[in-house]
Amino acid sequence: MSELAQLPLAFWVVAPLTLVFAYTVFGMSGFGSTVIAVPILAIWLPPTVVIPLMTLGDLVAAVTVGTAGRRQVSVPELKRIMPFMVVGIVAGVAALVTVPQEPLKVALALFTLAVGVHSILNPSPKGTISPWWCIPAGSAAGFCASAFGAGGPINVAYLAGRLRDKGEIRSTVSTIISISATLRTALYALAGLALKPVILAGFAAGIPFAWLGLRLGSRIHTGFTNEQMRRAVGGILLASGTVLLARTLAA
């Protein structure tokens, strides 16, 4: 709780706007909240607070979006990718607990920049990829979700190469995130990260803004193409990753 009380006014202005925008993107696409919000919130809060906090929010958001579109979930792809995600999640939690905070912030910033560039330059993947890509994609997505709070882009990159329906991709990735977030929350709790007062207080304070974002995103979901959405998110990722990297290196 004391961590929140000591935060500057800029945080209390930027954080609500960040959550609304992040969960608007989640409402549209079924992913993207953590990869947008974590680099921005990590300017003021350590990753060991921000990532478990956003994981709790994603768990609620993913269940909401996934339940609404459960008939569009691709069960075969779900069965392929989840076993390898579990392996990555365990490794990512271990990294979050043991790796020093400053190198983790630099890695998070570089990862965010890479995802942003990829989203802008490759907004519409061509062709159908091999199902064997579930092994590296699932493992990397699990690790990045746990260590950086940002496994969604990898999941979407894999599913976009396997599926063509926008609604099917959205519902499937939301279901993956809900399962992943449940497992991560349990592991964070075992590691002593998830049940801290500052995380629970931040989660309670952020619920209204996340709910507003989800409502907005669900309403405008049908009006955006996959290409437009990926390019817009990519631009935000470039900006947030640049700010986080610059502040971390300057410190």
Protein backbone atom coordinates (compact mmCIF):
# COMPACT_ATOMS: atom_id res chain seq x y z
CA MET A 1 0.00 0.00 0.00
CA SER A 2 2.82 2.44 0.83
CA GLU A 3 4.20 2.00 -2.70
CA LEU A 4 0.99 3.41 -4.16
CA ALA A 5 0.84 6.32 -1.72
CA GLN A 6 4.33 7.44 -2.72
CA LEU A 7 3.67 7.50 -6.45
CA PRO A 8 3.73 10.90 -8.21
CA LEU A 9 0.69 12.66 -9.65
CA ALA A 10 1.78 11.74 -13.18
CA PHE A 11 1.17 8.08 -12.39
CA TRP A 12 -2.41 8.72 -11.25
CA VAL A 13 -3.10 10.58 -14.50
CA VAL A 14 -1.37 8.19 -16.90
CA ALA A 15 -2.28 4.86 -15.28
CA PRO A 16 -6.10 5.10 -15.67
CA LEU A 17 -5.78 6.26 -19.28
CA THR A 18 -3.32 3.43 -19.95
CA LEU A 19 -5.68 0.81 -18.52
CA VAL A 20 -8.64 2.11 -20.54
CA PHE A 21 -6.66 2.03 -23.76
CA ALA A 22 -4.99 -1.31 -23.00
CA TYR A 23 -8.28 -3.07 -22.30
CA THR A 24 -9.94 -1.40 -25.27
CA VAL A 25 -7.33 -3.17 -27.39
CA PHE A 26 -8.03 -6.39 -25.45
CA GLY A 27 -11.75 -6.01 -26.10
CA MET A 28 -11.07 -5.65 -29.83
CA SER A 29 -8.47 -8.37 -30.24
CA GLY A 30 -8.58 -10.70 -27.23
CA PHE A 31 -5.00 -9.77 -26.25
CA GLY A 32 -2.68 -6.79 -25.94
CA SER A 33 -3.47 -5.30 -22.54
CA THR A 34 -0.26 -6.36 -20.80
CA VAL A 35 2.07 -5.71 -23.70
CA ILE A 36 0.74 -2.14 -23.81
CA ALA A 37 0.27 -1.41 -20.11
CA VAL A 38 3.28 -3.14 -18.54
CA PRO A 39 6.02 -1.05 -20.26
CA ILE A 40 4.20 2.17 -19.32
CA LEU A 41 3.36 1.25 -15.72
CA ALA A 42 6.87 -0.17 -15.24
CA ILE A 43 8.15 3.41 -15.49
CA TRP A 44 6.89 3.86 -11.91
CA LEU A 45 6.44 0.33 -10.55
CA PRO A 46 8.83 -2.67 -10.57
CA PRO A 47 8.01 -5.57 -12.92
CA THR A 48 7.46 -7.83 -9.90
CA VAL A 49 4.45 -5.65 -9.06
CA VAL A 50 3.20 -4.66 -12.51
CA ILE A 51 3.25 -8.11 -14.12
CA PRO A 52 1.29 -10.01 -11.42
CA LEU A 53 -1.11 -7.04 -11.21
CA MET A 54 -1.85 -7.11 -14.94
CA THR A 55 -2.09 -10.90 -14.87
CA LEU A 56 -5.01 -10.65 -12.44
CA GLY A 57 -6.69 -8.11 -14.73
CA ASP A 58 -6.09 -10.27 -17.80
CA LEU A 59 -7.56 -13.29 -16.06
CA VAL A 60 -10.88 -11.48 -15.57
CA ALA A 61 -10.80 -9.87 -19.03
CA ALA A 62 -9.91 -13.10 -20.85
CA VAL A 63 -12.70 -15.02 -19.15
CA THR A 64 -15.14 -12.26 -20.14
CA VAL A 65 -14.09 -12.15 -23.80
CA GLY A 66 -13.53 -15.91 -24.11
CA THR A 67 -16.92 -16.77 -22.63
CA ALA A 68 -18.69 -14.44 -25.03
CA GLY A 69 -17.07 -16.14 -28.05
CA ARG A 70 -16.57 -19.67 -26.74
CA ARG A 71 -18.23 -21.23 -29.81
CA GLN A 72 -15.45 -19.79 -32.00
CA VAL A 73 -12.57 -21.26 -29.98
CA SER A 74 -10.30 -23.56 -32.01
CA VAL A 75 -9.96 -26.56 -29.69
CA PRO A 76 -7.31 -28.35 -31.83
CA GLU A 77 -4.99 -25.32 -31.70
CA LEU A 78 -5.67 -24.96 -27.98
CA LYS A 79 -4.58 -28.56 -27.38
CA ARG A 80 -1.44 -28.10 -29.47
CA ILE A 81 -0.05 -24.98 -27.84
CA MET A 82 -0.98 -25.25 -24.15
CA PRO A 83 1.43 -28.04 -23.04
CA PHE A 84 4.40 -26.03 -24.31
CA MET A 85 3.04 -22.83 -22.77
CA VAL A 86 3.07 -24.51 -19.36
CA VAL A 87 6.80 -25.21 -19.71
CA GLY A 88 7.47 -21.60 -20.72
CA ILE A 89 5.34 -20.22 -17.89
CA VAL A 90 7.30 -22.10 -15.22
CA ALA A 91 10.61 -20.87 -16.68
CA GLY A 92 9.30 -17.31 -16.91
CA VAL A 93 8.19 -17.19 -13.26
CA ALA A 94 11.63 -18.44 -12.22
CA ALA A 95 13.25 -15.64 -14.26
CA LEU A 96 10.94 -12.98 -12.79
CA VAL A 97 11.86 -14.04 -9.24
CA THR A 98 15.61 -14.46 -9.73
CA VAL A 99 16.71 -11.94 -12.40
CA PRO A 100 17.58 -8.40 -11.14
CA GLN A 101 14.95 -5.74 -11.89
CA GLU A 102 16.99 -3.40 -14.10
CA PRO A 103 18.08 -6.05 -16.66
CA LEU A 104 14.50 -7.31 -16.67
CA LYS A 105 13.25 -3.81 -17.54
CA VAL A 106 15.78 -3.52 -20.39
CA ALA A 107 14.74 -6.93 -21.71
CA LEU A 108 11.08 -5.94 -21.45
CA ALA A 109 11.70 -2.70 -23.36
CA LEU A 110 13.62 -4.48 -26.14
CA PHE A 111 10.95 -7.17 -26.40
CA THR A 112 8.25 -4.48 -26.63
CA LEU A 113 10.15 -2.65 -29.39
CA ALA A 114 10.61 -5.88 -31.36
CA VAL A 115 6.92 -6.75 -31.14
CA GLY A 116 5.98 -3.21 -32.15
CA VAL A 117 8.18 -3.26 -35.26
CA HIS A 118 6.89 -6.70 -36.23
CA SER A 119 3.26 -5.59 -35.85
CA ILE A 120 3.81 -2.58 -38.11
CA LEU A 121 5.87 -4.29 -40.80
CA ASN A 122 3.95 -7.57 -40.87
CA PRO A 123 0.28 -6.73 -40.14
CA SER A 124 -1.12 -9.52 -42.31
CA PRO A 125 0.76 -12.85 -42.20
CA LYS A 126 0.59 -14.79 -45.47
CA GLY A 127 0.09 -18.52 -45.88
CA THR A 128 -0.51 -21.29 -43.34
CA ILE A 129 2.36 -22.28 -41.08
CA SER A 130 3.17 -25.80 -39.87
CA PRO A 131 1.44 -26.95 -36.65
CA TRP A 132 4.92 -27.82 -35.34
CA TRP A 133 5.39 -24.10 -34.72
CA CYS A 134 3.27 -24.66 -31.61
CA ILE A 135 6.42 -25.88 -29.83
CA PRO A 136 8.58 -22.71 -30.04
CA ALA A 137 5.54 -20.41 -30.08
CA GLY A 138 3.95 -21.97 -27.00
CA SER A 139 7.22 -22.09 -25.05
CA ALA A 140 8.16 -18.50 -25.93
CA ALA A 141 4.65 -17.19 -25.26
CA GLY A 142 4.58 -18.84 -21.85
CA PHE A 143 7.99 -17.49 -20.89
CA CYS A 144 7.26 -13.95 -22.10
CA ALA A 145 3.84 -13.96 -20.43
CA SER A 146 5.38 -14.83 -17.06
CA ALA A 147 8.59 -12.81 -17.24
CA PHE A 148 7.38 -9.80 -19.22
CA GLY A 149 3.58 -10.00 -19.01
CA ALA A 150 3.46 -10.06 -22.80
CA GLY A 151 2.82 -13.45 -24.36
CA GLY A 152 -0.25 -12.42 -26.36
CA PRO A 153 1.54 -11.16 -29.49
CA ILE A 154 3.35 -14.49 -29.87
CA ASN A 155 0.10 -16.42 -29.48
CA VAL A 156 -1.57 -14.22 -32.08
CA ALA A 157 1.36 -14.52 -34.47
CA TYR A 158 1.07 -18.32 -34.29
CA LEU A 159 -2.74 -18.41 -34.54
CA ALA A 160 -2.75 -15.89 -37.40
CA GLY A 161 -0.57 -18.33 -39.31
CA ARG A 162 -2.97 -21.19 -38.61
CA LEU A 163 -6.43 -19.58 -38.61
CA ARG A 164 -8.07 -17.05 -40.89
CA ASP A 165 -11.25 -15.96 -39.11
CA LYS A 166 -10.73 -12.85 -36.95
CA GLY A 167 -13.36 -13.91 -34.43
CA GLU A 168 -11.84 -17.38 -34.13
CA ILE A 169 -8.39 -15.94 -33.45
CA ARG A 170 -9.80 -13.50 -30.88
CA SER A 171 -11.75 -16.16 -28.98
CA THR A 172 -8.94 -18.72 -29.07
CA VAL A 173 -6.25 -16.34 -27.85
CA SER A 174 -8.58 -15.12 -25.06
CA THR A 175 -9.07 -18.69 -23.91
CA ILE A 176 -5.31 -19.32 -24.01
CA ILE A 177 -4.74 -16.18 -21.94
CA SER A 178 -7.38 -17.16 -19.38
CA ILE A 179 -5.75 -20.56 -18.85
CA SER A 180 -2.28 -19.04 -18.83
CA ALA A 181 -3.27 -16.28 -16.40
CA THR A 182 -4.81 -18.79 -14.00
CA LEU A 183 -1.62 -20.85 -13.93
CA ARG A 184 0.60 -17.76 -13.66
CA THR A 185 -1.44 -16.35 -10.80
CA ALA A 186 -1.08 -19.62 -8.90
CA LEU A 187 2.68 -19.69 -9.49
CA TYR A 188 3.05 -16.00 -8.57
CA ALA A 189 1.20 -16.75 -5.34
CA LEU A 190 3.54 -19.64 -4.56
CA ALA A 191 6.51 -17.36 -5.26
CA GLY A 192 5.10 -14.70 -2.91
CA LEU A 193 4.32 -12.18 -5.64
CA ALA A 194 0.56 -12.24 -6.25
CA LEU A 195 -0.94 -11.62 -2.79
CA LYS A 196 0.94 -8.45 -1.87
CA PRO A 197 -1.32 -5.62 -0.57
CA VAL A 198 -0.06 -3.23 -3.27
CA ILE A 199 -1.09 -5.66 -6.02
CA LEU A 200 -4.53 -6.35 -4.56
CA ALA A 201 -5.13 -2.62 -4.01
CA GLY A 202 -3.99 -1.79 -7.54
CA PHE A 203 -6.22 -4.50 -8.97
CA ALA A 204 -9.27 -3.14 -7.11
CA ALA A 205 -8.51 0.43 -8.20
CA GLY A 206 -8.02 -0.58 -11.85
CA ILE A 207 -11.21 -2.62 -12.30
CA PRO A 208 -13.46 0.31 -13.39
CA PHE A 209 -10.99 1.46 -16.03
CA ALA A 210 -10.41 -2.06 -17.36
CA TRP A 211 -14.18 -2.64 -17.53
CA LEU A 212 -14.65 0.60 -19.48
CA GLY A 213 -11.93 -0.40 -21.92
CA LEU A 214 -13.42 -3.85 -22.48
CA ARG A 215 -16.83 -2.34 -23.22
CA LEU A 216 -15.36 0.11 -25.72
CA GLY A 217 -13.22 -2.55 -27.39
CA SER A 218 -16.10 -5.00 -27.76
CA ARG A 219 -18.22 -2.32 -29.43
CA ILE A 220 -15.65 -1.33 -32.03
CA HIS A 221 -14.29 -4.85 -32.60
CA THR A 222 -16.22 -5.38 -35.83
CA GLY A 223 -15.16 -2.02 -37.29
CA PHE A 224 -11.43 -2.74 -37.34
CA THR A 225 -9.52 -4.99 -39.68
CA ASN A 226 -6.73 -7.16 -38.32
CA GLU A 227 -4.17 -5.10 -40.24
CA GLN A 228 -5.38 -1.75 -38.85
CA MET A 229 -5.43 -3.08 -35.31
CA ARG A 230 -1.95 -4.60 -35.46
CA ARG A 231 -0.42 -1.42 -36.90
CA ALA A 232 -2.08 0.79 -34.28
CA VAL A 233 -0.91 -1.45 -31.43
CA GLY A 234 2.56 -1.58 -32.97
CA GLY A 235 2.85 2.19 -32.87
CA ILE A 236 1.91 2.30 -29.20
CA LEU A 237 4.39 -0.45 -28.40
CA LEU A 238 7.22 1.42 -30.10
CA ALA A 239 6.45 4.54 -28.07
CA SER A 240 6.08 2.79 -24.71
CA GLY A 241 9.13 0.57 -25.25
CA THR A 242 11.27 3.57 -26.19
CA VAL A 243 10.22 5.51 -23.08
CA LEU A 244 10.84 2.55 -20.78
CA LEU A 245 14.26 1.80 -22.29
CA ALA A 246 15.35 5.46 -22.15
CA ARG A 247 14.29 5.87 -18.50
CA THR A 248 15.88 2.59 -17.44
CA LEU A 249 19.22 3.36 -19.11
CA ALA A 250 19.21 6.92 -17.75
CA ALA A 251 18.65 5.63 -14.22
